[in-house]
């Protein structure tokens, strides 16, 4: 159980603290992958605009996370 917890921590923590950027990037990534899989399986009410909006949101969050990481010198 400890190995699983340590594995999952890397998606949410940076330098031992909860990182909002990593948290939201992980949440948006999971939602995007689930939505894309549903689209591929033929769910008709998920259109391409929703996929594009989710991908744009994910790119924005990752961009903010990268800029924040670079400006604060947090490795």
C-alpha atoms as a PDB file:
ATOM      1  CA  UNK A   1       0.000   0.000   0.000  1.00  0.00           C
ATOM      2  CA  UNK A   2       2.869   2.363   0.755  1.00  0.00           C
ATOM      3  CA  UNK A   3       4.289   1.906  -2.753  1.00  0.00           C
ATOM      4  CA  UNK A   4       0.951   2.826  -4.291  1.00  0.00           C
ATOM      5  CA  UNK A   5       0.669   5.917  -2.082  1.00  0.00           C
ATOM      6  CA  UNK A   6       4.210   6.992  -2.978  1.00  0.00           C
ATOM      7  CA  UNK A   7       3.455   6.481  -6.678  1.00  0.00           C
ATOM      8  CA  UNK A   8       0.285   8.590  -6.511  1.00  0.00           C
ATOM      9  CA  UNK A   9       2.008  11.349  -4.511  1.00  0.00           C
ATOM     10  CA  UNK A  10       4.205  12.251  -7.463  1.00  0.00           C
ATOM     11  CA  UNK A  11       1.109  13.423  -9.360  1.00  0.00           C
ATOM     12  CA  UNK A  12       0.054  15.899  -6.650  1.00  0.00           C
ATOM     13  CA  UNK A  13       3.111  16.926  -4.605  1.00  0.00           C
ATOM     14  CA  UNK A  14       6.200  19.010  -5.354  1.00  0.00           C
ATOM     15  CA  UNK A  15       9.014  19.319  -2.800  1.00  0.00           C
ATOM     16  CA  UNK A  16       6.854  17.643  -0.154  1.00  0.00           C
ATOM     17  CA  UNK A  17       3.968  20.126  -0.515  1.00  0.00           C
ATOM     18  CA  UNK A  18       0.666  19.792  -2.328  1.00  0.00           C
ATOM     19  CA  UNK A  19       1.005  21.587  -5.654  1.00  0.00           C
ATOM     20  CA  UNK A  20      -2.138  23.120  -7.116  1.00  0.00           C
ATOM     21  CA  UNK A  21      -0.681  23.072 -10.631  1.00  0.00           C
ATOM     22  CA  UNK A  22       0.151  19.382 -10.541  1.00  0.00           C
ATOM     23  CA  UNK A  23      -3.221  18.600  -8.960  1.00  0.00           C
ATOM     24  CA  UNK A  24      -5.255  20.369 -11.642  1.00  0.00           C
ATOM     25  CA  UNK A  25      -3.072  19.080 -14.475  1.00  0.00           C
ATOM     26  CA  UNK A  26      -3.676  15.537 -13.228  1.00  0.00           C
ATOM     27  CA  UNK A  27      -7.429  16.091 -12.852  1.00  0.00           C
ATOM     28  CA  UNK A  28      -7.790  17.595 -16.331  1.00  0.00           C
ATOM     29  CA  UNK A  29      -5.625  14.831 -17.835  1.00  0.00           C
ATOM     30  CA  UNK A  30      -7.783  12.092 -16.336  1.00  0.00           C
ATOM     31  CA  UNK A  31     -10.986  13.827 -17.440  1.00  0.00           C
ATOM     32  CA  UNK A  32      -9.641  14.341 -20.953  1.00  0.00           C
ATOM     33  CA  UNK A  33      -8.584  10.705 -21.324  1.00  0.00           C
ATOM     34  CA  UNK A  34     -11.946   9.437 -20.034  1.00  0.00           C
ATOM     35  CA  UNK A  35     -13.878  11.770 -22.330  1.00  0.00           C
ATOM     36  CA  UNK A  36     -11.766  10.815 -25.332  1.00  0.00           C
ATOM     37  CA  UNK A  37     -12.270   7.098 -24.637  1.00  0.00           C
ATOM     38  CA  UNK A  38     -16.015   7.672 -24.353  1.00  0.00           C
ATOM     39  CA  UNK A  39     -15.940   9.536 -27.686  1.00  0.00           C
ATOM     40  CA  UNK A  40     -14.069   6.671 -29.333  1.00  0.00           C
ATOM     41  CA  UNK A  41     -16.628   4.193 -27.958  1.00  0.00           C
ATOM     42  CA  UNK A  42     -19.399   6.061 -29.746  1.00  0.00           C
ATOM     43  CA  UNK A  43     -21.093   8.252 -27.135  1.00  0.00           C
ATOM     44  CA  UNK A  44     -22.981  10.640 -29.380  1.00  0.00           C
ATOM     45  CA  UNK A  45     -23.448  13.660 -27.090  1.00  0.00           C
ATOM     46  CA  UNK A  46     -19.677  14.248 -26.769  1.00  0.00           C
ATOM     47  CA  UNK A  47     -18.712  16.391 -29.730  1.00  0.00           C
ATOM     48  CA  UNK A  48     -15.386  17.634 -31.008  1.00  0.00           C
ATOM     49  CA  UNK A  49     -15.854  21.084 -29.458  1.00  0.00           C
ATOM     50  CA  UNK A  50     -15.920  19.546 -25.973  1.00  0.00           C
ATOM     51  CA  UNK A  51     -12.767  17.566 -26.704  1.00  0.00           C
ATOM     52  CA  UNK A  52     -11.048  20.714 -27.990  1.00  0.00           C
ATOM     53  CA  UNK A  53     -12.136  22.747 -24.978  1.00  0.00           C
ATOM     54  CA  UNK A  54     -10.826  20.124 -22.586  1.00  0.00           C
ATOM     55  CA  UNK A  55      -7.531  19.870 -24.451  1.00  0.00           C
ATOM     56  CA  UNK A  56      -7.181  23.665 -24.397  1.00  0.00           C
ATOM     57  CA  UNK A  57      -7.867  23.733 -20.652  1.00  0.00           C
ATOM     58  CA  UNK A  58      -5.269  21.036 -20.085  1.00  0.00           C
ATOM     59  CA  UNK A  59      -2.686  22.905 -22.161  1.00  0.00           C
ATOM     60  CA  UNK A  60      -3.405  26.124 -20.251  1.00  0.00           C
ATOM     61  CA  UNK A  61      -2.998  24.486 -16.841  1.00  0.00           C
ATOM     62  CA  UNK A  62       0.244  22.798 -17.904  1.00  0.00           C
ATOM     63  CA  UNK A  63       1.489  26.125 -19.285  1.00  0.00           C
ATOM     64  CA  UNK A  64       0.729  27.944 -16.030  1.00  0.00           C
ATOM     65  CA  UNK A  65       2.397  25.150 -14.066  1.00  0.00           C
ATOM     66  CA  UNK A  66       5.526  25.334 -16.231  1.00  0.00           C
ATOM     67  CA  UNK A  67       5.797  29.127 -15.998  1.00  0.00           C
ATOM     68  CA  UNK A  68       5.292  29.026 -12.217  1.00  0.00           C
ATOM     69  CA  UNK A  69       7.904  26.304 -11.866  1.00  0.00           C
ATOM     70  CA  UNK A  70      10.423  28.240 -13.965  1.00  0.00           C
ATOM     71  CA  UNK A  71       9.826  31.563 -12.185  1.00  0.00           C
ATOM     72  CA  UNK A  72      10.105  30.089  -8.687  1.00  0.00           C
ATOM     73  CA  UNK A  73      13.099  27.862  -9.486  1.00  0.00           C
ATOM     74  CA  UNK A  74      11.311  24.829  -8.062  1.00  0.00           C
ATOM     75  CA  UNK A  75      12.722  21.668  -9.526  1.00  0.00           C
END
